[in-house]
């Protein structure tokens, strides 16, 4: 009798509370230069790390890959609330197994092709099991420029002064 009662109580508890089961949840992350286009393969992409904000455990990591996106769509056309701007633009895509709403931190660092110019940006959000974040996904803005400067020629001394022509390539990240 006691075993039947205990089994019945356990069965009721399981039915009442449900069983937590991990669900694969898709997540798309894009890195966009401030007031410009997306960080694509040409700039080495952006390193993306997704962590559980509570525990610090890394849930996913990778690099954005693809094009910088459609200039007309990103920079010229008026934006609407649910309008998409990232069609075909560089992204990092992953699936994360979670069994409960999880506060995550997403960090993006770019440009990977010019590490001295590397800038990190991050955001936090709740990831809900089974609630995929796709389409434009999470867009993280990376401010700044990538600067590549070098001497155009060797230094020329004239008296006590040196003349050093410098060339620089400056682009938005």
N, C-alpha and C. Protein backbone atom coordinates (compact mmCIF):
# COMPACT_ATOMS: atom_id res chain seq x y z
N UNK A 1 0.82 -1.19 0.00
CA UNK A 1 0.00 0.00 0.00
C UNK A 1 0.86 1.26 0.00
N UNK A 2 1.91 1.26 0.85
CA UNK A 2 2.80 2.41 0.92
C UNK A 2 3.51 2.63 -0.41
N UNK A 3 3.97 1.53 -1.04
CA UNK A 3 4.69 1.65 -2.32
C UNK A 3 3.78 2.22 -3.39
N UNK A 4 2.53 1.81 -3.40
CA UNK A 4 1.58 2.30 -4.39
C UNK A 4 1.32 3.79 -4.16
N UNK A 5 1.20 4.18 -2.92
CA UNK A 5 0.96 5.58 -2.57
C UNK A 5 2.15 6.45 -2.98
N UNK A 6 3.36 5.98 -2.68
CA UNK A 6 4.58 6.73 -3.04
C UNK A 6 4.70 6.83 -4.56
N UNK A 7 4.47 5.72 -5.26
CA UNK A 7 4.53 5.72 -6.72
C UNK A 7 3.50 6.69 -7.30
N UNK A 8 2.31 6.70 -6.73
CA UNK A 8 1.27 7.61 -7.18
C UNK A 8 1.64 9.06 -6.96
N UNK A 9 2.21 9.36 -5.81
CA UNK A 9 2.65 10.73 -5.52
C UNK A 9 3.76 11.18 -6.48
N UNK A 10 4.72 10.29 -6.73
CA UNK A 10 5.81 10.62 -7.66
C UNK A 10 5.27 10.85 -9.07
N UNK A 11 4.34 10.00 -9.49
CA UNK A 11 3.75 10.14 -10.82
C UNK A 11 2.99 11.46 -10.92
N UNK A 12 2.25 11.81 -9.88
CA UNK A 12 1.51 13.08 -9.86
C UNK A 12 2.48 14.27 -9.91
N UNK A 13 3.57 14.18 -9.16
CA UNK A 13 4.56 15.26 -9.15
C UNK A 13 5.17 15.45 -10.53
N UNK A 14 5.48 14.35 -11.20
CA UNK A 14 6.07 14.43 -12.55
C UNK A 14 5.07 15.04 -13.52
N UNK A 15 3.82 14.62 -13.46
CA UNK A 15 2.80 15.15 -14.36
C UNK A 15 2.51 16.62 -14.05
N UNK A 16 2.49 16.97 -12.78
CA UNK A 16 2.19 18.34 -12.37
C UNK A 16 3.34 19.29 -12.72
N UNK A 17 4.56 18.89 -12.41
CA UNK A 17 5.72 19.76 -12.61
C UNK A 17 6.32 19.64 -14.00
N UNK A 18 6.14 18.51 -14.63
CA UNK A 18 6.77 18.27 -15.92
C UNK A 18 8.22 17.88 -15.73
N UNK A 19 8.82 17.39 -16.77
CA UNK A 19 10.22 17.00 -16.73
C UNK A 19 10.99 17.97 -17.60
N UNK A 20 12.02 18.59 -17.03
CA UNK A 20 12.85 19.52 -17.80
C UNK A 20 13.70 18.74 -18.78
N UNK A 21 13.60 19.14 -20.03
CA UNK A 21 14.37 18.47 -21.07
C UNK A 21 15.05 19.53 -21.90
N UNK A 22 16.34 19.34 -22.19
CA UNK A 22 17.08 20.32 -22.97
C UNK A 22 16.49 20.43 -24.38
N UNK A 23 16.42 21.65 -24.87
CA UNK A 23 15.88 21.92 -26.19
C UNK A 23 16.95 22.67 -26.98
N UNK A 24 17.20 22.23 -28.22
CA UNK A 24 18.15 22.93 -29.09
C UNK A 24 17.52 24.25 -29.52
N UNK A 25 18.22 25.32 -29.24
CA UNK A 25 17.73 26.65 -29.54
C UNK A 25 18.73 27.35 -30.45
N UNK A 26 18.26 27.74 -31.65
CA UNK A 26 19.15 28.38 -32.63
C UNK A 26 19.40 29.83 -32.26
N UNK A 27 20.63 30.26 -32.52
CA UNK A 27 21.03 31.64 -32.24
C UNK A 27 21.93 32.13 -33.37
N UNK A 28 21.56 33.27 -33.95
CA UNK A 28 22.37 33.94 -34.97
C UNK A 28 22.92 35.22 -34.35
N UNK A 29 24.24 35.43 -34.51
CA UNK A 29 24.89 36.64 -33.99
C UNK A 29 25.62 37.30 -35.16
N UNK A 30 25.45 38.61 -35.25
CA UNK A 30 26.15 39.40 -36.28
C UNK A 30 26.87 40.56 -35.60
N UNK A 31 28.00 40.93 -36.16
CA UNK A 31 28.75 42.10 -35.67
C UNK A 31 28.67 43.16 -36.75
N UNK A 32 28.29 44.37 -36.34
CA UNK A 32 28.14 45.47 -37.28
C UNK A 32 28.99 46.65 -36.83
N UNK A 33 29.73 47.20 -37.76
CA UNK A 33 30.51 48.39 -37.47
C UNK A 33 29.56 49.54 -37.17
N UNK A 34 29.91 50.37 -36.21
CA UNK A 34 29.02 51.48 -35.82
C UNK A 34 28.68 52.35 -37.03
N UNK A 35 27.39 52.50 -37.27
CA UNK A 35 26.87 53.31 -38.37
C UNK A 35 27.44 52.88 -39.73
N UNK A 36 27.70 51.60 -39.88
CA UNK A 36 28.25 51.12 -41.15
C UNK A 36 27.73 49.70 -41.42
N UNK A 37 28.55 48.91 -42.09
CA UNK A 37 28.13 47.59 -42.53
C UNK A 37 28.60 46.50 -41.57
N UNK A 38 28.33 45.25 -41.94
CA UNK A 38 28.64 44.11 -41.07
C UNK A 38 30.11 43.70 -41.21
N UNK A 39 30.66 43.15 -40.15
CA UNK A 39 32.06 42.70 -40.15
C UNK A 39 32.08 41.34 -40.84
N UNK A 40 32.65 41.33 -42.04
CA UNK A 40 32.66 40.12 -42.85
C UNK A 40 34.00 39.43 -42.91
N UNK A 41 34.07 38.44 -43.76
CA UNK A 41 35.26 37.62 -43.91
C UNK A 41 36.48 38.44 -44.30
N UNK A 42 36.28 39.49 -45.11
CA UNK A 42 37.40 40.32 -45.57
C UNK A 42 38.16 40.96 -44.41
N UNK A 43 37.45 41.26 -43.31
CA UNK A 43 38.09 41.83 -42.11
C UNK A 43 38.45 40.73 -41.12
N UNK A 44 38.38 39.48 -41.55
CA UNK A 44 38.70 38.36 -40.68
C UNK A 44 37.53 37.92 -39.82
N UNK A 45 36.40 38.61 -39.96
CA UNK A 45 35.22 38.29 -39.16
C UNK A 45 35.36 38.82 -37.75
N UNK A 46 34.36 38.49 -36.94
CA UNK A 46 34.36 38.87 -35.52
C UNK A 46 34.33 37.59 -34.70
N UNK A 47 35.12 37.52 -33.66
CA UNK A 47 35.12 36.36 -32.75
C UNK A 47 33.93 36.52 -31.81
N UNK A 48 33.07 35.51 -31.77
CA UNK A 48 31.86 35.55 -30.95
C UNK A 48 31.96 34.48 -29.86
N UNK A 49 31.69 34.89 -28.62
CA UNK A 49 31.66 33.96 -27.50
C UNK A 49 30.34 34.16 -26.77
N UNK A 50 29.59 33.05 -26.61
CA UNK A 50 28.31 33.08 -25.90
C UNK A 50 28.51 32.33 -24.59
N UNK A 51 28.24 33.01 -23.46
CA UNK A 51 28.41 32.38 -22.15
C UNK A 51 27.13 32.45 -21.34
N UNK A 52 27.00 31.51 -20.42
CA UNK A 52 25.94 31.55 -19.42
C UNK A 52 26.35 32.63 -18.42
N UNK A 53 25.57 33.70 -18.31
CA UNK A 53 25.94 34.84 -17.46
C UNK A 53 26.06 34.46 -16.00
N UNK A 54 25.29 33.49 -15.56
CA UNK A 54 25.30 33.11 -14.15
C UNK A 54 26.53 32.29 -13.79
N UNK A 55 26.89 31.33 -14.66
CA UNK A 55 27.99 30.41 -14.33
C UNK A 55 29.31 30.75 -15.02
N UNK A 56 29.24 31.52 -16.11
CA UNK A 56 30.45 31.81 -16.88
C UNK A 56 30.81 30.72 -17.87
N UNK A 57 30.02 29.66 -17.93
CA UNK A 57 30.29 28.54 -18.84
C UNK A 57 30.11 28.99 -20.29
N UNK A 58 31.09 28.64 -21.14
CA UNK A 58 30.99 28.96 -22.56
C UNK A 58 29.99 28.00 -23.20
N UNK A 59 28.95 28.56 -23.82
CA UNK A 59 27.91 27.76 -24.46
C UNK A 59 28.17 27.57 -25.94
N UNK A 60 28.84 28.54 -26.56
CA UNK A 60 29.17 28.47 -27.99
C UNK A 60 30.21 29.52 -28.30
N UNK A 61 31.03 29.25 -29.32
CA UNK A 61 31.99 30.25 -29.79
C UNK A 61 32.35 29.97 -31.23
N UNK A 62 32.70 31.03 -31.94
CA UNK A 62 33.05 30.90 -33.35
C UNK A 62 33.32 32.27 -33.94
N UNK A 63 33.38 32.31 -35.27
CA UNK A 63 33.73 33.53 -35.99
C UNK A 63 32.65 33.82 -37.04
N UNK A 64 32.28 35.10 -37.15
CA UNK A 64 31.33 35.48 -38.18
C UNK A 64 31.99 35.30 -39.55
N UNK A 65 31.20 34.90 -40.52
CA UNK A 65 31.71 34.72 -41.88
C UNK A 65 30.65 35.14 -42.88
N UNK A 66 31.11 35.69 -43.99
CA UNK A 66 30.20 36.12 -45.04
C UNK A 66 30.53 37.53 -45.49
N UNK A 67 29.59 38.11 -46.23
CA UNK A 67 29.82 39.44 -46.81
C UNK A 67 29.48 40.54 -45.81
N UNK A 68 29.77 41.77 -46.20
CA UNK A 68 29.47 42.93 -45.36
C UNK A 68 28.01 43.35 -45.51
N UNK A 69 27.29 42.72 -46.41
CA UNK A 69 25.87 43.00 -46.59
C UNK A 69 25.58 43.93 -47.75
N UNK A 70 24.31 44.25 -47.92
CA UNK A 70 23.82 45.07 -49.02
C UNK A 70 23.84 46.54 -48.62
N UNK A 71 24.71 47.33 -49.24
CA UNK A 71 24.88 48.74 -48.89
C UNK A 71 23.57 49.51 -48.97
N UNK A 72 22.81 49.33 -50.02
CA UNK A 72 21.53 50.03 -50.20
C UNK A 72 20.60 49.73 -49.03
N UNK A 73 20.49 48.46 -48.69
CA UNK A 73 19.57 48.02 -47.63
C UNK A 73 20.03 48.51 -46.25
N UNK A 74 21.35 48.49 -46.01
CA UNK A 74 21.88 48.84 -44.70
C UNK A 74 22.02 50.35 -44.50
N UNK A 75 22.53 51.04 -45.50
CA UNK A 75 22.93 52.43 -45.32
C UNK A 75 21.98 53.47 -45.89
N UNK A 76 21.13 53.09 -46.85
CA UNK A 76 20.35 54.12 -47.55
C UNK A 76 18.85 54.02 -47.30
N UNK A 77 18.29 52.83 -47.43
CA UNK A 77 16.84 52.66 -47.28
C UNK A 77 16.40 52.97 -45.85
N UNK A 78 15.22 53.60 -45.72
CA UNK A 78 14.69 53.88 -44.37
C UNK A 78 14.44 52.56 -43.61
N UNK A 79 14.62 52.61 -42.31
CA UNK A 79 14.46 51.42 -41.47
C UNK A 79 13.03 51.38 -40.90
N UNK A 80 12.49 50.18 -40.82
CA UNK A 80 11.20 49.99 -40.18
C UNK A 80 11.41 49.12 -38.95
N UNK A 81 10.43 49.09 -38.08
CA UNK A 81 10.57 48.39 -36.80
C UNK A 81 10.99 46.93 -36.98
N UNK A 82 10.33 46.19 -37.82
CA UNK A 82 10.66 44.77 -37.99
C UNK A 82 11.35 44.50 -39.33
N UNK A 83 11.81 45.56 -39.99
CA UNK A 83 12.49 45.41 -41.27
C UNK A 83 13.85 44.74 -41.10
N UNK A 84 14.20 43.92 -42.07
CA UNK A 84 15.49 43.23 -42.01
C UNK A 84 16.54 44.02 -42.77
N UNK A 85 17.75 44.00 -42.25
CA UNK A 85 18.85 44.70 -42.94
C UNK A 85 20.04 43.78 -43.18
N UNK A 86 19.98 42.56 -42.68
CA UNK A 86 21.17 41.71 -42.71
C UNK A 86 21.12 40.57 -43.72
N UNK A 87 20.18 40.59 -44.65
CA UNK A 87 20.08 39.50 -45.62
C UNK A 87 21.43 39.23 -46.29
N UNK A 88 21.95 38.03 -46.10
CA UNK A 88 23.21 37.62 -46.73
C UNK A 88 24.47 38.14 -46.04
N UNK A 89 24.32 38.92 -44.98
CA UNK A 89 25.49 39.49 -44.30
C UNK A 89 26.16 38.46 -43.39
N UNK A 90 27.42 38.70 -43.06
CA UNK A 90 28.22 37.81 -42.22
C UNK A 90 27.51 37.50 -40.91
N UNK A 91 27.64 36.25 -40.47
CA UNK A 91 27.00 35.84 -39.22
C UNK A 91 27.73 34.66 -38.60
N UNK A 92 27.46 34.47 -37.32
CA UNK A 92 27.86 33.26 -36.60
C UNK A 92 26.55 32.61 -36.19
N UNK A 93 26.39 31.34 -36.53
CA UNK A 93 25.15 30.63 -36.23
C UNK A 93 25.46 29.39 -35.39
N UNK A 94 24.65 29.17 -34.36
CA UNK A 94 24.87 28.03 -33.47
C UNK A 94 23.53 27.53 -32.96
N UNK A 95 23.54 26.38 -32.31
CA UNK A 95 22.39 25.85 -31.58
C UNK A 95 22.87 25.53 -30.18
N UNK A 96 22.11 25.95 -29.20
CA UNK A 96 22.50 25.76 -27.80
C UNK A 96 21.43 24.93 -27.11
N UNK A 97 21.84 23.89 -26.39
CA UNK A 97 20.92 23.06 -25.62
C UNK A 97 20.68 23.71 -24.26
N UNK A 98 19.44 24.13 -24.02
CA UNK A 98 19.08 24.68 -22.71
C UNK A 98 17.75 24.09 -22.27
N UNK A 99 17.57 23.95 -20.96
CA UNK A 99 16.32 23.38 -20.46
C UNK A 99 15.51 24.37 -19.63
N UNK A 100 15.99 25.61 -19.54
CA UNK A 100 15.27 26.66 -18.84
C UNK A 100 15.72 28.00 -19.40
N UNK A 101 14.92 29.06 -19.20
CA UNK A 101 15.37 30.37 -19.64
C UNK A 101 16.74 30.67 -19.04
N UNK A 102 17.66 31.12 -19.90
CA UNK A 102 19.05 31.30 -19.49
C UNK A 102 19.52 32.70 -19.88
N UNK A 103 20.02 33.44 -18.90
CA UNK A 103 20.61 34.75 -19.18
C UNK A 103 21.98 34.51 -19.80
N UNK A 104 22.18 35.00 -21.02
CA UNK A 104 23.45 34.79 -21.70
C UNK A 104 24.15 36.12 -21.96
N UNK A 105 25.47 36.06 -22.06
CA UNK A 105 26.29 37.19 -22.46
C UNK A 105 26.88 36.84 -23.81
N UNK A 106 26.74 37.74 -24.76
CA UNK A 106 27.30 37.55 -26.10
C UNK A 106 28.38 38.61 -26.28
N UNK A 107 29.60 38.17 -26.53
CA UNK A 107 30.72 39.09 -26.76
C UNK A 107 31.21 38.91 -28.19
N UNK A 108 31.46 40.03 -28.86
CA UNK A 108 32.02 40.02 -30.21
C UNK A 108 33.27 40.89 -30.21
N UNK A 109 34.33 40.39 -30.85
CA UNK A 109 35.58 41.14 -30.95
C UNK A 109 36.00 41.18 -32.41
N UNK A 110 36.32 42.37 -32.91
CA UNK A 110 36.70 42.51 -34.32
C UNK A 110 37.58 43.76 -34.45
N UNK A 111 38.36 43.87 -35.53
CA UNK A 111 38.50 42.95 -36.65
C UNK A 111 39.61 41.93 -36.37
N UNK A 112 39.39 40.71 -36.75
CA UNK A 112 40.39 39.68 -36.49
C UNK A 112 41.59 39.78 -37.43
N UNK A 113 41.42 40.44 -38.57
CA UNK A 113 42.52 40.58 -39.52
C UNK A 113 43.56 41.60 -39.05
N UNK A 114 43.18 42.48 -38.14
CA UNK A 114 44.09 43.52 -37.64
C UNK A 114 44.01 43.54 -36.12
N UNK A 115 44.66 42.59 -35.48
CA UNK A 115 44.52 42.40 -34.03
C UNK A 115 44.89 43.63 -33.19
N UNK A 116 45.84 44.48 -33.61
CA UNK A 116 46.11 45.68 -32.79
C UNK A 116 44.90 46.61 -32.71
N UNK A 117 43.97 46.50 -33.65
CA UNK A 117 42.78 47.35 -33.67
C UNK A 117 41.55 46.68 -33.05
N UNK A 118 41.74 45.51 -32.44
CA UNK A 118 40.64 44.71 -31.92
C UNK A 118 39.83 45.46 -30.87
N UNK A 119 38.52 45.49 -31.06
CA UNK A 119 37.60 46.11 -30.12
C UNK A 119 36.55 45.08 -29.73
N UNK A 120 36.21 45.03 -28.43
CA UNK A 120 35.20 44.09 -27.94
C UNK A 120 33.93 44.84 -27.57
N UNK A 121 32.81 44.24 -27.90
CA UNK A 121 31.51 44.74 -27.48
C UNK A 121 30.72 43.55 -26.98
N UNK A 122 29.76 43.82 -26.09
CA UNK A 122 28.96 42.70 -25.59
C UNK A 122 27.55 43.15 -25.25
N UNK A 123 26.68 42.17 -25.11
CA UNK A 123 25.31 42.41 -24.69
C UNK A 123 24.83 41.21 -23.91
N UNK A 124 23.76 41.38 -23.17
CA UNK A 124 23.15 40.27 -22.44
C UNK A 124 21.69 40.16 -22.84
N UNK A 125 21.17 38.94 -22.78
CA UNK A 125 19.76 38.71 -23.10
C UNK A 125 19.32 37.37 -22.54
N UNK A 126 18.03 37.18 -22.46
CA UNK A 126 17.48 35.90 -22.04
C UNK A 126 17.28 35.03 -23.26
N UNK A 127 17.78 33.81 -23.21
CA UNK A 127 17.57 32.82 -24.26
C UNK A 127 16.54 31.84 -23.71
N UNK A 128 15.43 31.68 -24.43
CA UNK A 128 14.31 30.84 -23.99
C UNK A 128 14.37 29.51 -24.77
N UNK A 129 14.27 28.37 -24.09
CA UNK A 129 14.32 27.07 -24.78
C UNK A 129 13.31 27.01 -25.94
N UNK A 130 13.80 26.64 -27.12
CA UNK A 130 12.94 26.48 -28.29
C UNK A 130 12.56 27.77 -28.98
N UNK A 131 12.91 28.93 -28.44
CA UNK A 131 12.59 30.22 -29.05
C UNK A 131 13.81 30.68 -29.85
N UNK A 132 13.88 30.23 -31.11
CA UNK A 132 15.04 30.52 -31.96
C UNK A 132 15.17 32.02 -32.22
N UNK A 133 16.41 32.48 -32.28
CA UNK A 133 16.70 33.86 -32.64
C UNK A 133 17.48 33.79 -33.95
N UNK A 134 16.74 33.97 -35.04
CA UNK A 134 17.32 33.84 -36.38
C UNK A 134 17.06 35.13 -37.15
N UNK A 135 17.02 35.06 -38.47
CA UNK A 135 16.84 36.27 -39.27
C UNK A 135 18.05 37.17 -39.10
N UNK A 136 17.82 38.45 -38.77
CA UNK A 136 18.94 39.35 -38.49
C UNK A 136 19.68 38.90 -37.23
N UNK A 137 18.98 38.20 -36.34
CA UNK A 137 19.60 37.69 -35.12
C UNK A 137 19.93 38.80 -34.14
N UNK A 138 20.93 38.55 -33.32
CA UNK A 138 21.42 39.55 -32.38
C UNK A 138 22.52 40.32 -33.09
N UNK A 139 22.36 41.62 -33.20
CA UNK A 139 23.35 42.46 -33.88
C UNK A 139 24.12 43.23 -32.80
N UNK A 140 25.43 42.98 -32.75
CA UNK A 140 26.28 43.68 -31.79
C UNK A 140 27.06 44.75 -32.55
N UNK A 141 27.00 45.98 -32.05
CA UNK A 141 27.68 47.09 -32.70
C UNK A 141 29.11 47.21 -32.18
N UNK A 142 30.05 47.30 -33.14
CA UNK A 142 31.47 47.43 -32.81
C UNK A 142 31.93 48.82 -33.28
N UNK A 143 32.22 49.73 -32.35
CA UNK A 143 32.64 51.07 -32.75
C UNK A 143 34.13 51.11 -33.09
N UNK A 144 34.51 52.06 -33.90
CA UNK A 144 35.93 52.28 -34.13
C UNK A 144 36.38 52.06 -35.56
N UNK A 145 37.69 52.20 -35.72
CA UNK A 145 38.32 52.09 -37.02
C UNK A 145 39.43 51.05 -36.98
N UNK A 146 39.75 50.52 -38.14
CA UNK A 146 40.91 49.66 -38.29
C UNK A 146 41.95 50.50 -39.02
N UNK A 147 43.10 50.70 -38.38
CA UNK A 147 44.14 51.57 -38.93
C UNK A 147 45.38 50.73 -39.22
N UNK A 148 45.86 50.82 -40.45
CA UNK A 148 47.07 50.13 -40.86
C UNK A 148 48.01 51.20 -41.43
N UNK A 149 48.99 51.62 -40.64
CA UNK A 149 49.91 52.67 -41.06
C UNK A 149 51.30 52.10 -41.26
N UNK A 150 51.99 52.63 -42.27
CA UNK A 150 53.36 52.19 -42.53
C UNK A 150 54.12 53.32 -43.21
N UNK A 151 55.44 53.28 -43.07
CA UNK A 151 56.28 54.27 -43.73
C UNK A 151 56.29 53.98 -45.23
N UNK A 152 56.02 55.00 -46.02
CA UNK A 152 55.97 54.83 -47.47
C UNK A 152 57.37 54.67 -48.05
N UNK A 153 58.36 55.26 -47.41
CA UNK A 153 59.74 55.20 -47.85
C UNK A 153 60.62 55.14 -46.61
N UNK A 154 61.89 54.99 -46.83
CA UNK A 154 62.81 55.05 -45.70
C UNK A 154 62.99 56.52 -45.30
N UNK A 155 63.37 56.75 -44.07
CA UNK A 155 63.55 58.11 -43.57
C UNK A 155 64.70 58.80 -44.28
N UNK A 156 64.51 60.10 -44.56
CA UNK A 156 65.55 60.89 -45.20
C UNK A 156 65.96 61.99 -44.23
N UNK A 157 67.24 62.03 -43.93
CA UNK A 157 67.75 63.04 -43.01
C UNK A 157 68.20 64.26 -43.80
N UNK A 158 67.81 65.42 -43.30
CA UNK A 158 68.23 66.69 -43.88
C UNK A 158 68.58 67.60 -42.71
N UNK A 159 69.89 67.72 -42.46
CA UNK A 159 70.30 68.49 -41.29
C UNK A 159 69.94 67.72 -40.03
N UNK A 160 69.21 68.37 -39.16
CA UNK A 160 68.82 67.71 -37.91
C UNK A 160 67.36 67.24 -37.95
N UNK A 161 66.77 67.27 -39.13
CA UNK A 161 65.37 66.88 -39.26
C UNK A 161 65.26 65.64 -40.14
N UNK A 162 64.28 64.85 -39.84
CA UNK A 162 64.02 63.66 -40.65
C UNK A 162 62.65 63.81 -41.30
N UNK A 163 62.58 63.35 -42.51
CA UNK A 163 61.31 63.38 -43.23
C UNK A 163 60.89 61.92 -43.43
N UNK A 164 59.71 61.58 -42.88
CA UNK A 164 59.23 60.21 -42.97
C UNK A 164 57.82 60.22 -43.55
N UNK A 165 57.68 59.95 -44.84
CA UNK A 165 56.34 59.87 -45.42
C UNK A 165 55.61 58.63 -44.88
N UNK A 166 54.37 58.81 -44.49
CA UNK A 166 53.58 57.71 -43.93
C UNK A 166 52.32 57.50 -44.76
N UNK A 167 51.99 56.25 -44.97
CA UNK A 167 50.75 55.90 -45.65
C UNK A 167 49.87 55.19 -44.63
N UNK A 168 48.58 55.45 -44.69
CA UNK A 168 47.67 54.80 -43.77
C UNK A 168 46.42 54.35 -44.50
N UNK A 169 45.95 53.20 -44.10
CA UNK A 169 44.67 52.67 -44.61
C UNK A 169 43.74 52.67 -43.40
N UNK A 170 42.71 53.48 -43.45
CA UNK A 170 41.78 53.61 -42.32
C UNK A 170 40.39 53.24 -42.80
N UNK A 171 39.81 52.22 -42.18
CA UNK A 171 38.45 51.81 -42.55
C UNK A 171 37.64 51.58 -41.27
N UNK A 172 36.33 51.76 -41.39
CA UNK A 172 35.48 51.44 -40.24
C UNK A 172 35.54 49.94 -40.03
N UNK A 173 35.54 49.53 -38.77
CA UNK A 173 35.58 48.10 -38.48
C UNK A 173 34.36 47.46 -39.09
